[in-house]
C-alpha atoms as a PDB file:
ATOM      1  CA  MET A   1      -0.001   0.003   0.015  1.00  0.00           C
ATOM      2  CA  GLU A   2       1.518   3.299  -1.044  1.00  0.00           C
ATOM      3  CA  LEU A   3       2.244   5.691   1.800  1.00  0.00           C
ATOM      4  CA  ASP A   4       4.796   8.361   0.739  1.00  0.00           C
ATOM      5  CA  LEU A   5       5.153   9.744   4.242  1.00  0.00           C
ATOM      6  CA  ASP A   6       7.724  12.250   5.486  1.00  0.00           C
ATOM      7  CA  TYR A   7       7.912  12.381   9.300  1.00  0.00           C
ATOM      8  CA  THR A   8       9.980  14.049  12.016  1.00  0.00           C
ATOM      9  CA  VAL A   9      12.292  12.005  14.260  1.00  0.00           C
ATOM     10  CA  TYR A  10      14.602  12.756  17.189  1.00  0.00           C
ATOM     11  CA  LYS A  11      17.779  10.749  17.083  1.00  0.00           C
ATOM     12  CA  GLY A  12      20.862  10.186  19.225  1.00  0.00           C
ATOM     13  CA  HIS A  13      24.248  11.435  18.088  1.00  0.00           C
ATOM     14  CA  GLN A  14      27.864  10.536  18.793  1.00  0.00           C
ATOM     15  CA  SER A  15      28.151  13.831  20.682  1.00  0.00           C
ATOM     16  CA  GLY A  16      25.392  12.750  23.052  1.00  0.00           C
ATOM     17  CA  ARG A  17      23.134  15.536  21.826  1.00  0.00           C
ATOM     18  CA  ILE A  18      19.608  15.052  20.440  1.00  0.00           C
ATOM     19  CA  VAL A  19      19.263  15.687  16.709  1.00  0.00           C
ATOM     20  CA  LYS A  20      16.040  16.556  14.938  1.00  0.00           C
ATOM     21  CA  SER A  21      15.873  14.774  11.547  1.00  0.00           C
ATOM     22  CA  LYS A  22      13.502  13.508   8.903  1.00  0.00           C
ATOM     23  CA  GLY A  23      12.318  10.001   8.111  1.00  0.00           C
ATOM     24  CA  HIS A  24      10.474   8.676   5.051  1.00  0.00           C
ATOM     25  CA  LYS A  25       8.265   5.706   4.352  1.00  0.00           C
ATOM     26  CA  ASP A  26       7.268   4.785   0.809  1.00  0.00           C
ATOM     27  CA  ASP A  27       4.707   2.124   1.627  1.00  0.00           C
ATOM     28  CA  LEU A  28       2.751   0.391   4.312  1.00  0.00           C
ATOM     29  CA  ALA A  29       3.082  -3.395   4.382  1.00  0.00           C
ATOM     30  CA  HIS A  30       0.022  -5.591   4.570  1.00  0.00           C
ATOM     31  CA  ASP A  31       0.568  -6.284   8.344  1.00  0.00           C
ATOM     32  CA  GLU A  32       1.660  -2.774   9.407  1.00  0.00           C
ATOM     33  CA  VAL A  33      -0.002   0.189  11.053  1.00  0.00           C
ATOM     34  CA  LEU A  34       0.760   3.911  10.720  1.00  0.00           C
ATOM     35  CA  ILE A  35       0.557   5.746  14.081  1.00  0.00           C
ATOM     36  CA  LYS A  36       0.583   9.459  14.719  1.00  0.00           C
ATOM     37  CA  ILE A  37       2.504   9.665  18.005  1.00  0.00           C
ATOM     38  CA  THR A  38       0.934  11.727  20.773  1.00  0.00           C
ATOM     39  CA  HIS A  39       3.016  10.640  23.793  1.00  0.00           C
ATOM     40  CA  ALA A  40       6.300   8.804  24.413  1.00  0.00           C
ATOM     41  CA  GLY A  41       7.895   7.877  27.688  1.00  0.00           C
ATOM     42  CA  LEU A  42      11.575   8.356  28.517  1.00  0.00           C
ATOM     43  CA  CYS A  43      13.252   5.220  29.871  1.00  0.00           C
ATOM     44  CA  GLY A  44      16.681   4.759  31.433  1.00  0.00           C
ATOM     45  CA  THR A  45      17.516   2.466  28.538  1.00  0.00           C
ATOM     46  CA  ASP A  46      17.220   5.429  26.183  1.00  0.00           C
ATOM     47  CA  GLU A  47      20.267   6.957  27.812  1.00  0.00           C
ATOM     48  CA  HIS A  48      22.341   3.990  26.676  1.00  0.00           C
ATOM     49  CA  TYR A  49      21.516   4.891  23.037  1.00  0.00           C
ATOM     50  CA  LYS A  50      21.703   8.674  23.034  1.00  0.00           C
ATOM     51  CA  SER A  51      25.134   8.478  21.326  1.00  0.00           C
ATOM     52  CA  ALA A  52      23.807   6.135  18.608  1.00  0.00           C
ATOM     53  CA  ASP A  53      22.560   7.181  15.180  1.00  0.00           C
ATOM     54  CA  MET A  54      19.015   5.914  15.780  1.00  0.00           C
ATOM     55  CA  VAL A  55      15.530   7.221  16.591  1.00  0.00           C
ATOM     56  CA  LEU A  56      15.097   7.142  20.372  1.00  0.00           C
ATOM     57  CA  GLY A  57      12.139   6.121  22.508  1.00  0.00           C
ATOM     58  CA  HIS A  58      10.361   2.809  22.998  1.00  0.00           C
ATOM     59  CA  GLU A  59       7.345   3.750  25.122  1.00  0.00           C
ATOM     60  CA  GLY A  60       5.163   5.073  22.342  1.00  0.00           C
ATOM     61  CA  VAL A  61       1.444   5.852  22.287  1.00  0.00           C
ATOM     62  CA  GLY A  62      -0.595   7.411  19.513  1.00  0.00           C
ATOM     63  CA  ILE A  63      -3.557   7.355  17.176  1.00  0.00           C
ATOM     64  CA  VAL A  64      -3.866   4.903  14.257  1.00  0.00           C
ATOM     65  CA  GLN A  65      -3.968   6.804  10.997  1.00  0.00           C
ATOM     66  CA  GLN A  66      -3.755   3.992   8.437  1.00  0.00           C
ATOM     67  CA  VAL A  67      -3.723   0.194   8.470  1.00  0.00           C
ATOM     68  CA  GLY A  68      -2.264  -2.364   6.090  1.00  0.00           C
ATOM     69  CA  ALA A  69      -4.459  -4.411   3.755  1.00  0.00           C
ATOM     70  CA  GLU A  70      -4.575  -7.476   6.068  1.00  0.00           C
ATOM     71  CA  VAL A  71      -4.771  -5.727   9.466  1.00  0.00           C
ATOM     72  CA  THR A  72      -7.994  -6.596  11.266  1.00  0.00           C
ATOM     73  CA  THR A  73      -7.052  -5.853  14.876  1.00  0.00           C
ATOM     74  CA  PHE A  74      -6.886  -2.059  14.589  1.00  0.00           C
ATOM     75  CA  ASN A  75      -9.012   0.621  12.985  1.00  0.00           C
ATOM     76  CA  VAL A  76      -8.270   4.207  12.029  1.00  0.00           C
ATOM     77  CA  GLY A  77      -8.763   6.323  15.144  1.00  0.00           C
ATOM     78  CA  ASP A  78      -7.869   3.654  17.695  1.00  0.00           C
ATOM     79  CA  ARG A  79      -5.280   4.420  20.327  1.00  0.00           C
ATOM     80  CA  ALA A  80      -2.299   2.099  20.233  1.00  0.00           C
ATOM     81  CA  GLY A  81       0.995   1.688  22.053  1.00  0.00           C
ATOM     82  CA  TRP A  82       4.186  -0.361  21.753  1.00  0.00           C
ATOM     83  CA  GLY A  83       7.188  -1.255  23.834  1.00  0.00           C
ATOM     84  CA  TYR A  84      10.518  -2.957  23.632  1.00  0.00           C
ATOM     85  CA  LEU A  85       9.703  -5.893  21.363  1.00  0.00           C
ATOM     86  CA  HIS A  86       9.142  -5.223  17.641  1.00  0.00           C
ATOM     87  CA  ASN A  87       8.998  -8.674  16.103  1.00  0.00           C
ATOM     88  CA  CYS A  88       9.856 -12.360  16.563  1.00  0.00           C
ATOM     89  CA  CYS A  89      10.075 -15.508  14.469  1.00  0.00           C
ATOM     90  CA  MET A  90       6.617 -16.816  15.553  1.00  0.00           C
ATOM     91  CA  HIS A  91       7.647 -20.483  15.196  1.00  0.00           C
ATOM     92  CA  CYS A  92      10.348 -21.327  17.769  1.00  0.00           C
ATOM     93  CA  ASP A  93       9.554 -23.058  21.102  1.00  0.00           C
ATOM     94  CA  GLN A  94       9.659 -19.735  22.952  1.00  0.00           C
ATOM     95  CA  CYS A  95       7.235 -18.021  20.562  1.00  0.00           C
ATOM     96  CA  LEU A  96       4.852 -20.978  20.522  1.00  0.00           C
ATOM     97  CA  SER A  97       4.896 -20.951  24.352  1.00  0.00           C
ATOM     98  CA  GLY A  98       3.967 -17.289  24.541  1.00  0.00           C
ATOM     99  CA  ASN A  99       7.487 -16.184  25.443  1.00  0.00           C
ATOM    100  CA  GLU A 100       8.267 -14.093  22.369  1.00  0.00           C
ATOM    101  CA  MET A 101      10.530 -11.810  24.383  1.00  0.00           C
ATOM    102  CA  LEU A 102      12.947 -14.721  24.627  1.00  0.00           C
ATOM    103  CA  CYS A 103      12.810 -15.654  20.935  1.00  0.00           C
ATOM    104  CA  PRO A 104      16.358 -16.193  19.575  1.00  0.00           C
ATOM    105  CA  GLU A 105      15.402 -14.095  16.552  1.00  0.00           C
ATOM    106  CA  ARG A 106      13.611 -11.389  18.471  1.00  0.00           C
ATOM    107  CA  ALA A 107      13.777  -7.822  17.160  1.00  0.00           C
ATOM    108  CA  MET A 108      14.134  -5.325  19.984  1.00  0.00           C
ATOM    109  CA  TYR A 109      14.695  -1.638  20.572  1.00  0.00           C
ATOM    110  CA  GLY A 110      18.261  -0.573  19.929  1.00  0.00           C
ATOM    111  CA  GLU A 111      18.945  -3.505  17.623  1.00  0.00           C
ATOM    112  CA  THR A 112      16.471  -3.234  14.773  1.00  0.00           C
ATOM    113  CA  ASP A 113      14.136  -0.657  13.150  1.00  0.00           C
ATOM    114  CA  LEU A 114      16.580   2.098  13.995  1.00  0.00           C
ATOM    115  CA  ASP A 115      14.608   4.534  11.810  1.00  0.00           C
ATOM    116  CA  GLN A 116      11.515   4.119  14.032  1.00  0.00           C
ATOM    117  CA  GLY A 117      10.939   5.187  17.638  1.00  0.00           C
ATOM    118  CA  GLY A 118       8.738   6.932  20.163  1.00  0.00           C
ATOM    119  CA  PHE A 119      10.459  10.324  19.823  1.00  0.00           C
ATOM    120  CA  ALA A 120       8.945  11.152  16.456  1.00  0.00           C
ATOM    121  CA  SER A 121       5.834  12.543  14.812  1.00  0.00           C
ATOM    122  CA  HIS A 122       4.851   9.155  13.313  1.00  0.00           C
ATOM    123  CA  ALA A 123       5.886   5.514  13.379  1.00  0.00           C
ATOM    124  CA  VAL A 124       5.081   2.363  11.434  1.00  0.00           C
ATOM    125  CA  TRP A 125       4.844  -0.925  13.351  1.00  0.00           C
ATOM    126  CA  LYS A 126       3.605  -4.414  12.821  1.00  0.00           C
ATOM    127  CA  ALA A 127       0.041  -4.683  14.068  1.00  0.00           C
ATOM    128  CA  ALA A 128       0.819  -7.889  15.969  1.00  0.00           C
ATOM    129  CA  PHE A 129       3.171  -5.994  18.251  1.00  0.00           C
ATOM    130  CA  LEU A 130       0.858  -3.083  19.028  1.00  0.00           C
ATOM    131  CA  PHE A 131      -1.480  -2.877  22.005  1.00  0.00           C
ATOM    132  CA  HIS A 132      -4.922  -1.299  22.479  1.00  0.00           C
ATOM    133  CA  ILE A 133      -4.945   1.244  25.297  1.00  0.00           C
ATOM    134  CA  PRO A 134      -7.861   0.792  27.736  1.00  0.00           C
ATOM    135  CA  ASP A 135     -10.272   3.726  27.823  1.00  0.00           C
ATOM    136  CA  SER A 136      -9.634   4.482  31.485  1.00  0.00           C
ATOM    137  CA  ILE A 137      -5.872   5.002  31.002  1.00  0.00           C
ATOM    138  CA  PRO A 138      -4.891   8.434  29.624  1.00  0.00           C
ATOM    139  CA  SER A 139      -2.346   8.307  26.841  1.00  0.00           C
ATOM    140  CA  ALA A 140       0.266  10.207  28.875  1.00  0.00           C
ATOM    141  CA  ALA A 141      -0.046   7.607  31.651  1.00  0.00           C
ATOM    142  CA  ALA A 142      -0.087   4.704  29.173  1.00  0.00           C
ATOM    143  CA  ALA A 143       3.332   5.549  27.674  1.00  0.00           C
ATOM    144  CA  PRO A 144       5.448   4.513  30.714  1.00  0.00           C
ATOM    145  CA  LEU A 145       3.434   1.365  31.122  1.00  0.00           C
ATOM    146  CA  MET A 146       4.730   0.181  27.746  1.00  0.00           C
ATOM    147  CA  CYS A 147       8.185  -0.543  29.231  1.00  0.00           C
ATOM    148  CA  ALA A 148       8.468   0.380  32.913  1.00  0.00           C
ATOM    149  CA  GLY A 149       5.075  -1.037  33.755  1.00  0.00           C
ATOM    150  CA  SER A 150       5.616  -4.028  31.546  1.00  0.00           C
ATOM    151  CA  THR A 151       8.985  -4.812  33.130  1.00  0.00           C
ATOM    152  CA  VAL A 152       7.894  -4.859  36.760  1.00  0.00           C
ATOM    153  CA  PHE A 153       4.530  -6.528  36.005  1.00  0.00           C
ATOM    154  CA  ASN A 154       6.229  -9.354  34.146  1.00  0.00           C
ATOM    155  CA  THR A 155       8.291 -10.275  37.193  1.00  0.00           C
ATOM    156  CA  LEU A 156       5.350 -10.059  39.584  1.00  0.00           C
ATOM    157  CA  TYR A 157       2.947 -11.916  37.322  1.00  0.00           C
ATOM    158  CA  THR A 158       5.419 -14.673  36.515  1.00  0.00           C
ATOM    159  CA  TYR A 159       7.088 -15.366  39.858  1.00  0.00           C
ATOM    160  CA  VAL A 160       5.097 -13.844  42.744  1.00  0.00           C
ATOM    161  CA  ARG A 161       2.008 -15.041  44.666  1.00  0.00           C
ATOM    162  CA  SER A 162      -0.463 -12.788  46.394  1.00  0.00           C
ATOM    163  CA  THR A 163       0.538 -14.142  49.825  1.00  0.00           C
ATOM    164  CA  ASP A 164       4.255 -13.256  49.367  1.00  0.00           C
ATOM    165  CA  ARG A 165       6.189 -10.467  50.995  1.00  0.00           C
ATOM    166  CA  VAL A 166       7.789  -8.444  48.198  1.00  0.00           C
ATOM    167  CA  GLY A 167      10.768  -6.175  48.808  1.00  0.00           C
ATOM    168  CA  VAL A 168      11.169  -3.184  46.392  1.00  0.00           C
ATOM    169  CA  VAL A 169      14.512  -1.481  46.467  1.00  0.00           C
ATOM    170  CA  GLY A 170      14.159   2.103  45.250  1.00  0.00           C
ATOM    171  CA  VAL A 171      11.168   4.431  44.760  1.00  0.00           C
ATOM    172  CA  GLY A 172      11.781   5.678  41.228  1.00  0.00           C
ATOM    173  CA  GLY A 173      10.612   5.075  37.679  1.00  0.00           C
ATOM    174  CA  LEU A 174      10.365   1.314  38.102  1.00  0.00           C
ATOM    175  CA  GLY A 175       9.964   1.138  41.834  1.00  0.00           C
ATOM    176  CA  HIS A 176       6.880   3.335  42.201  1.00  0.00           C
ATOM    177  CA  LEU A 177       5.087   1.109  39.662  1.00  0.00           C
ATOM    178  CA  ALA A 178       6.330  -2.099  41.276  1.00  0.00           C
ATOM    179  CA  ILE A 179       4.854  -0.932  44.594  1.00  0.00           C
ATOM    180  CA  GLN A 180       1.479  -0.268  43.017  1.00  0.00           C
ATOM    181  CA  PHE A 181       1.260  -3.540  41.041  1.00  0.00           C
ATOM    182  CA  ALA A 182       2.458  -5.694  43.955  1.00  0.00           C
ATOM    183  CA  SER A 183       0.058  -4.018  46.352  1.00  0.00           C
ATOM    184  CA  LYS A 184      -2.923  -4.391  44.056  1.00  0.00           C
ATOM    185  CA  MET A 185      -1.994  -8.056  43.596  1.00  0.00           C
ATOM    186  CA  GLY A 186      -2.447  -8.488  47.325  1.00  0.00           C
ATOM    187  CA  CYS A 187       1.198  -8.698  48.308  1.00  0.00           C
ATOM    188  CA  ASP A 188       2.776  -7.340  51.453  1.00  0.00           C
ATOM    189  CA  VAL A 189       5.081  -4.683  49.991  1.00  0.00           C
ATOM    190  CA  ILE A 190       8.255  -3.725  51.883  1.00  0.00           C
ATOM    191  CA  VAL A 191      10.139  -0.737  50.450  1.00  0.00           C
ATOM    192  CA  PHE A 192      13.851   0.000  50.892  1.00  0.00           C
ATOM    193  CA  SER A 193      15.037   3.515  50.042  1.00  0.00           C
ATOM    194  CA  GLY A 194      18.213   5.447  50.619  1.00  0.00           C
ATOM    195  CA  THR A 195      16.551   8.227  52.638  1.00  0.00           C
ATOM    196  CA  ASP A 196      13.268   8.873  54.446  1.00  0.00           C
ATOM    197  CA  ASN A 197      12.120  11.462  51.863  1.00  0.00           C
ATOM    198  CA  LYS A 198       9.719   9.144  50.010  1.00  0.00           C
ATOM    199  CA  ARG A 199       8.218   7.289  52.969  1.00  0.00           C
ATOM    200  CA  GLU A 200       4.761   8.895  52.841  1.00  0.00           C
ATOM    201  CA  GLU A 201       4.558   8.676  49.076  1.00  0.00           C
ATOM    202  CA  ALA A 202       5.543   4.987  49.154  1.00  0.00           C
ATOM    203  CA  LYS A 203       2.849   4.290  51.727  1.00  0.00           C
ATOM    204  CA  LYS A 204       0.231   6.048  49.599  1.00  0.00           C
ATOM    205  CA  LEU A 205       1.304   3.901  46.623  1.00  0.00           C
ATOM    206  CA  GLY A 206       0.696   0.750  48.615  1.00  0.00           C
ATOM    207  CA  ALA A 207       3.809   0.020  50.693  1.00  0.00           C
ATOM    208  CA  THR A 208       3.072  -1.609  54.041  1.00  0.00           C
ATOM    209  CA  GLU A 209       6.593  -1.064  55.475  1.00  0.00           C
ATOM    210  CA  PHE A 210       9.427   1.340  54.672  1.00  0.00           C
ATOM    211  CA  TYR A 211      13.109   1.102  55.656  1.00  0.00           C
ATOM    212  CA  VAL A 212      15.980   3.550  55.154  1.00  0.00           C
ATOM    213  CA  THR A 213      19.190   1.963  53.910  1.00  0.00           C
ATOM    214  CA  LYS A 214      21.651   4.884  53.900  1.00  0.00           C
ATOM    215  CA  GLY A 215      24.080   4.570  56.793  1.00  0.00           C
ATOM    216  CA  ALA A 216      22.498   1.305  58.015  1.00  0.00           C
ATOM    217  CA  SER A 217      24.734  -1.636  58.895  1.00  0.00           C
ATOM    218  CA  LYS A 218      21.823  -4.000  59.442  1.00  0.00           C
ATOM    219  CA  LEU A 219      18.104  -4.017  58.573  1.00  0.00           C
ATOM    220  CA  ASP A 220      15.687  -5.376  61.176  1.00  0.00           C
ATOM    221  CA  ILE A 221      12.456  -5.938  59.289  1.00  0.00           C
ATOM    222  CA  GLY A 222      10.935  -8.760  61.277  1.00  0.00           C
ATOM    223  CA  ARG A 223       9.647 -11.381  58.878  1.00  0.00           C
ATOM    224  CA  HIS A 224      11.896 -11.584  55.831  1.00  0.00           C
ATOM    225  CA  VAL A 225      10.840 -11.000  52.231  1.00  0.00           C
ATOM    226  CA  ASP A 226      10.297 -13.741  49.633  1.00  0.00           C
ATOM    227  CA  HIS A 227      11.293 -11.552  46.723  1.00  0.00           C
ATOM    228  CA  LEU A 228      13.694  -8.620  46.369  1.00  0.00           C
ATOM    229  CA  ILE A 229      13.178  -6.444  43.293  1.00  0.00           C
ATOM    230  CA  ILE A 230      16.096  -4.081  42.569  1.00  0.00           C
ATOM    231  CA  THR A 231      14.851  -1.004  40.730  1.00  0.00           C
ATOM    232  CA  THR A 232      17.526   1.538  41.548  1.00  0.00           C
ATOM    233  CA  SER A 233      19.849   2.988  38.877  1.00  0.00           C
ATOM    234  CA  PHE A 234      22.804   1.596  40.779  1.00  0.00           C
ATOM    235  CA  LEU A 235      23.505  -1.749  42.401  1.00  0.00           C
ATOM    236  CA  PRO A 236      22.765  -1.861  46.130  1.00  0.00           C
ATOM    237  CA  ASP A 237      24.806  -2.986  49.169  1.00  0.00           C
ATOM    238  CA  TRP A 238      24.244  -6.703  48.865  1.00  0.00           C
ATOM    239  CA  ASN A 239      25.679  -7.373  52.314  1.00  0.00           C
ATOM    240  CA  LEU A 240      22.913  -5.183  53.733  1.00  0.00           C
ATOM    241  CA  LEU A 241      20.057  -6.544  51.630  1.00  0.00           C
ATOM    242  CA  LEU A 242      20.644 -10.249  51.175  1.00  0.00           C
ATOM    243  CA  PRO A 243      20.083 -10.977  54.896  1.00  0.00           C
ATOM    244  CA  VAL A 244      16.471  -9.708  54.609  1.00  0.00           C
ATOM    245  CA  LEU A 245      15.633 -12.541  52.170  1.00  0.00           C
ATOM    246  CA  GLU A 246      13.845 -15.686  53.255  1.00  0.00           C
ATOM    247  CA  PRO A 247      15.787 -18.914  52.590  1.00  0.00           C
ATOM    248  CA  GLY A 248      15.027 -19.847  48.996  1.00  0.00           C
ATOM    249  CA  GLY A 249      14.145 -16.247  48.193  1.00  0.00           C
ATOM    250  CA  THR A 250      14.766 -14.602  44.874  1.00  0.00           C
ATOM    251  CA  VAL A 251      16.579 -11.431  43.745  1.00  0.00           C
ATOM    252  CA  TYR A 252      15.443  -9.693  40.529  1.00  0.00           C
ATOM    253  CA  PRO A 253      18.158  -7.245  39.380  1.00  0.00           C
ATOM    254  CA  MET A 254      16.392  -4.803  37.046  1.00  0.00           C
ATOM    255  CA  THR A 255      19.185  -2.238  36.919  1.00  0.00           C
ATOM    256  CA  VAL A 256      20.456  -1.950  33.352  1.00  0.00           C
ATOM    257  CA  SER A 257      24.217  -1.874  33.570  1.00  0.00           C
ATOM    258  CA  GLU A 258      27.143  -2.860  31.393  1.00  0.00           C
ATOM    259  CA  ARG A 259      29.144  -3.852  34.464  1.00  0.00           C
ATOM    260  CA  ASP A 260      29.288  -7.348  35.889  1.00  0.00           C
ATOM    261  CA  LEU A 261      26.736  -8.336  38.467  1.00  0.00           C
ATOM    262  CA  VAL A 262      28.843  -9.193  41.533  1.00  0.00           C
ATOM    263  CA  LEU A 263      27.285 -10.661  44.675  1.00  0.00           C
ATOM    264  CA  PRO A 264      28.645 -12.215  47.881  1.00  0.00           C
ATOM    265  CA  TYR A 265      29.047 -15.949  47.285  1.00  0.00           C
ATOM    266  CA  MET A 266      28.282 -17.536  50.658  1.00  0.00           C
ATOM    267  CA  PRO A 267      24.865 -15.895  51.351  1.00  0.00           C
ATOM    268  CA  ILE A 268      23.672 -17.130  47.956  1.00  0.00           C
ATOM    269  CA  LEU A 269      24.917 -20.594  48.657  1.00  0.00           C
ATOM    270  CA  VAL A 270      23.795 -21.126  52.259  1.00  0.00           C
ATOM    271  CA  GLY A 271      20.470 -19.310  51.799  1.00  0.00           C
ATOM    272  CA  GLY A 272      19.532 -21.118  48.597  1.00  0.00           C
ATOM    273  CA  ILE A 273      18.955 -17.704  47.033  1.00  0.00           C
ATOM    274  CA  ARG A 274      18.055 -17.427  43.363  1.00  0.00           C
ATOM    275  CA  ILE A 275      19.083 -14.652  40.949  1.00  0.00           C
ATOM    276  CA  GLN A 276      16.307 -14.289  38.368  1.00  0.00           C
ATOM    277  CA  GLY A 277      16.641 -12.253  35.149  1.00  0.00           C
ATOM    278  CA  SER A 278      13.485 -10.723  33.766  1.00  0.00           C
ATOM    279  CA  LEU A 279      12.600  -8.635  30.714  1.00  0.00           C
ATOM    280  CA  PRO A 280       9.497  -6.663  29.756  1.00  0.00           C
ATOM    281  CA  CYS A 281       6.359  -8.720  29.024  1.00  0.00           C
ATOM    282  CA  SER A 282       5.721 -10.858  26.028  1.00  0.00           C
ATOM    283  CA  ARG A 283       2.531  -9.907  24.225  1.00  0.00           C
ATOM    284  CA  GLY A 284      -0.019 -11.952  26.143  1.00  0.00           C
ATOM    285  CA  THR A 285       1.246 -10.784  29.520  1.00  0.00           C
ATOM    286  CA  HIS A 286       1.493  -7.207  28.243  1.00  0.00           C
ATOM    287  CA  VAL A 287      -2.241  -7.246  27.479  1.00  0.00           C
ATOM    288  CA  LYS A 288      -2.868  -8.568  30.999  1.00  0.00           C
ATOM    289  CA  MET A 289      -0.750  -5.792  32.420  1.00  0.00           C
ATOM    290  CA  LEU A 290      -2.829  -3.098  30.689  1.00  0.00           C
ATOM    291  CA  THR A 291      -6.080  -4.791  31.732  1.00  0.00           C
ATOM    292  CA  PHE A 292      -4.875  -5.059  35.348  1.00  0.00           C
ATOM    293  CA  ALA A 293      -3.695  -1.439  35.393  1.00  0.00           C
ATOM    294  CA  ALA A 294      -7.001  -0.201  34.038  1.00  0.00           C
ATOM    295  CA  LEU A 295      -9.060  -2.281  36.517  1.00  0.00           C
ATOM    296  CA  HIS A 296      -7.005  -1.353  39.601  1.00  0.00           C
ATOM    297  CA  GLY A 297      -6.074   2.230  38.714  1.00  0.00           C
ATOM    298  CA  VAL A 298      -2.331   1.650  38.465  1.00  0.00           C
ATOM    299  CA  GLN A 299      -0.805   4.706  36.844  1.00  0.00           C
ATOM    300  CA  PRO A 300       2.671   6.192  36.728  1.00  0.00           C
ATOM    301  CA  ILE A 301       3.485   9.526  38.328  1.00  0.00           C
ATOM    302  CA  ILE A 302       4.731  11.577  35.395  1.00  0.00           C
ATOM    303  CA  GLU A 303       6.311  14.860  34.360  1.00  0.00           C
ATOM    304  CA  GLU A 304       5.482  16.115  30.875  1.00  0.00           C
ATOM    305  CA  PHE A 305       7.937  17.645  28.392  1.00  0.00           C
ATOM    306  CA  PRO A 306       7.421  18.896  24.847  1.00  0.00           C
ATOM    307  CA  MET A 307       8.330  16.553  21.967  1.00  0.00           C
ATOM    308  CA  SER A 308      11.250  18.703  20.829  1.00  0.00           C
ATOM    309  CA  VAL A 309      15.060  18.709  20.955  1.00  0.00           C
ATOM    310  CA  GLU A 310      14.956  20.999  23.998  1.00  0.00           C
ATOM    311  CA  GLY A 311      12.210  18.971  25.693  1.00  0.00           C
ATOM    312  CA  ILE A 312      13.951  15.658  25.245  1.00  0.00           C
ATOM    313  CA  GLU A 313      17.314  17.013  26.397  1.00  0.00           C
ATOM    314  CA  ASP A 314      15.705  18.616  29.469  1.00  0.00           C
ATOM    315  CA  ALA A 315      13.990  15.319  30.328  1.00  0.00           C
ATOM    316  CA  MET A 316      17.204  13.310  29.830  1.00  0.00           C
ATOM    317  CA  ALA A 317      19.169  15.777  31.970  1.00  0.00           C
ATOM    318  CA  GLY A 318      16.549  15.454  34.717  1.00  0.00           C
ATOM    319  CA  LEU A 319      16.657  11.691  34.517  1.00  0.00           C
ATOM    320  CA  GLU A 320      20.478  11.599  34.688  1.00  0.00           C
ATOM    321  CA  GLN A 321      20.407  13.870  37.742  1.00  0.00           C
ATOM    322  CA  GLY A 322      17.732  11.876  39.455  1.00  0.00           C
ATOM    323  CA  LYS A 323      15.232  14.764  39.493  1.00  0.00           C
ATOM    324  CA  ILE A 324      12.361  13.153  37.573  1.00  0.00           C
ATOM    325  CA  ARG A 325       9.425  12.000  39.700  1.00  0.00           C
ATOM    326  CA  TYR A 326       9.005   9.429  38.381  1.00  0.00           C
ATOM    327  CA  ARG A 327       8.662   9.064  34.614  1.00  0.00           C
ATOM    328  CA  ALA A 328       9.201  11.733  31.961  1.00  0.00           C
ATOM    329  CA  VAL A 329       6.716  11.734  29.080  1.00  0.00           C
ATOM    330  CA  MET A 330       7.217  13.615  25.804  1.00  0.00           C
ATOM    331  CA  VAL A 331       4.008  15.213  24.570  1.00  0.00           C
ATOM    332  CA  ALA A 332       3.593  15.989  20.844  1.00  0.00           C
END
């Protein structure tokens, strides 16, 4: 289907600056959808690519403007969003088991479709990897759910039971959503934060207990936690936190880092502690995440910035300095 579309994009650059550029699409494939982007969330992962020659942003939400000849799941005028996963092989064991995010041939942000992204006026995506936004979730709130919400929900949905005590380390972009999801799932949510500044906010989000870690040599929390979700932008003091885990408990390190993950050996061994990697949701779980968020009123706390070079750079500077509470959203 002929398209002939010129669109605006905001790309990374080797200098680390944001560059406004132009993209062009000649046609719309039979299984693709054209979206006019209205909102896009800023994620910590975007910082890893701001020196790359690619369109940034992977928490996109917008309005469907055109659909390919064989697309039956979206209509013009629908709201749609997308996240980290762009495509998969559809036939391997992982895909056939509903685990497309683990497909050996997966196509993900930062690796493929470098001419497409959330920081743009338009984007073209495969319909099978787009998601309908529930009516009760505003588009600005939906954008961070596409990755941040998807990431923490996937861990909770896959590994946690409603009777568990869940420790959340950090009250930030991921942490404030993890607290909400875990609380609404019925879990006892124990929050660990560097200072006391966010105690009342964490309690309002659903935390049942709150502990300050800065300057502490030991944490006395009574009954230990079954799960420890690490959402901070830096790795914590493992010697302080591992002792709060129940024997057989699990650590979920969600900090994106190029450094090695180094933990004390003996506490892992004698406590039977598991280290569990986790990515954003595959498609079926992503739909459940949006349905759950709509039903239970889980929404990110956001700051809005204009979809412009200045707006994106201001948001990235705020994120780097730890000043964003708690997700930055670009608004077209």
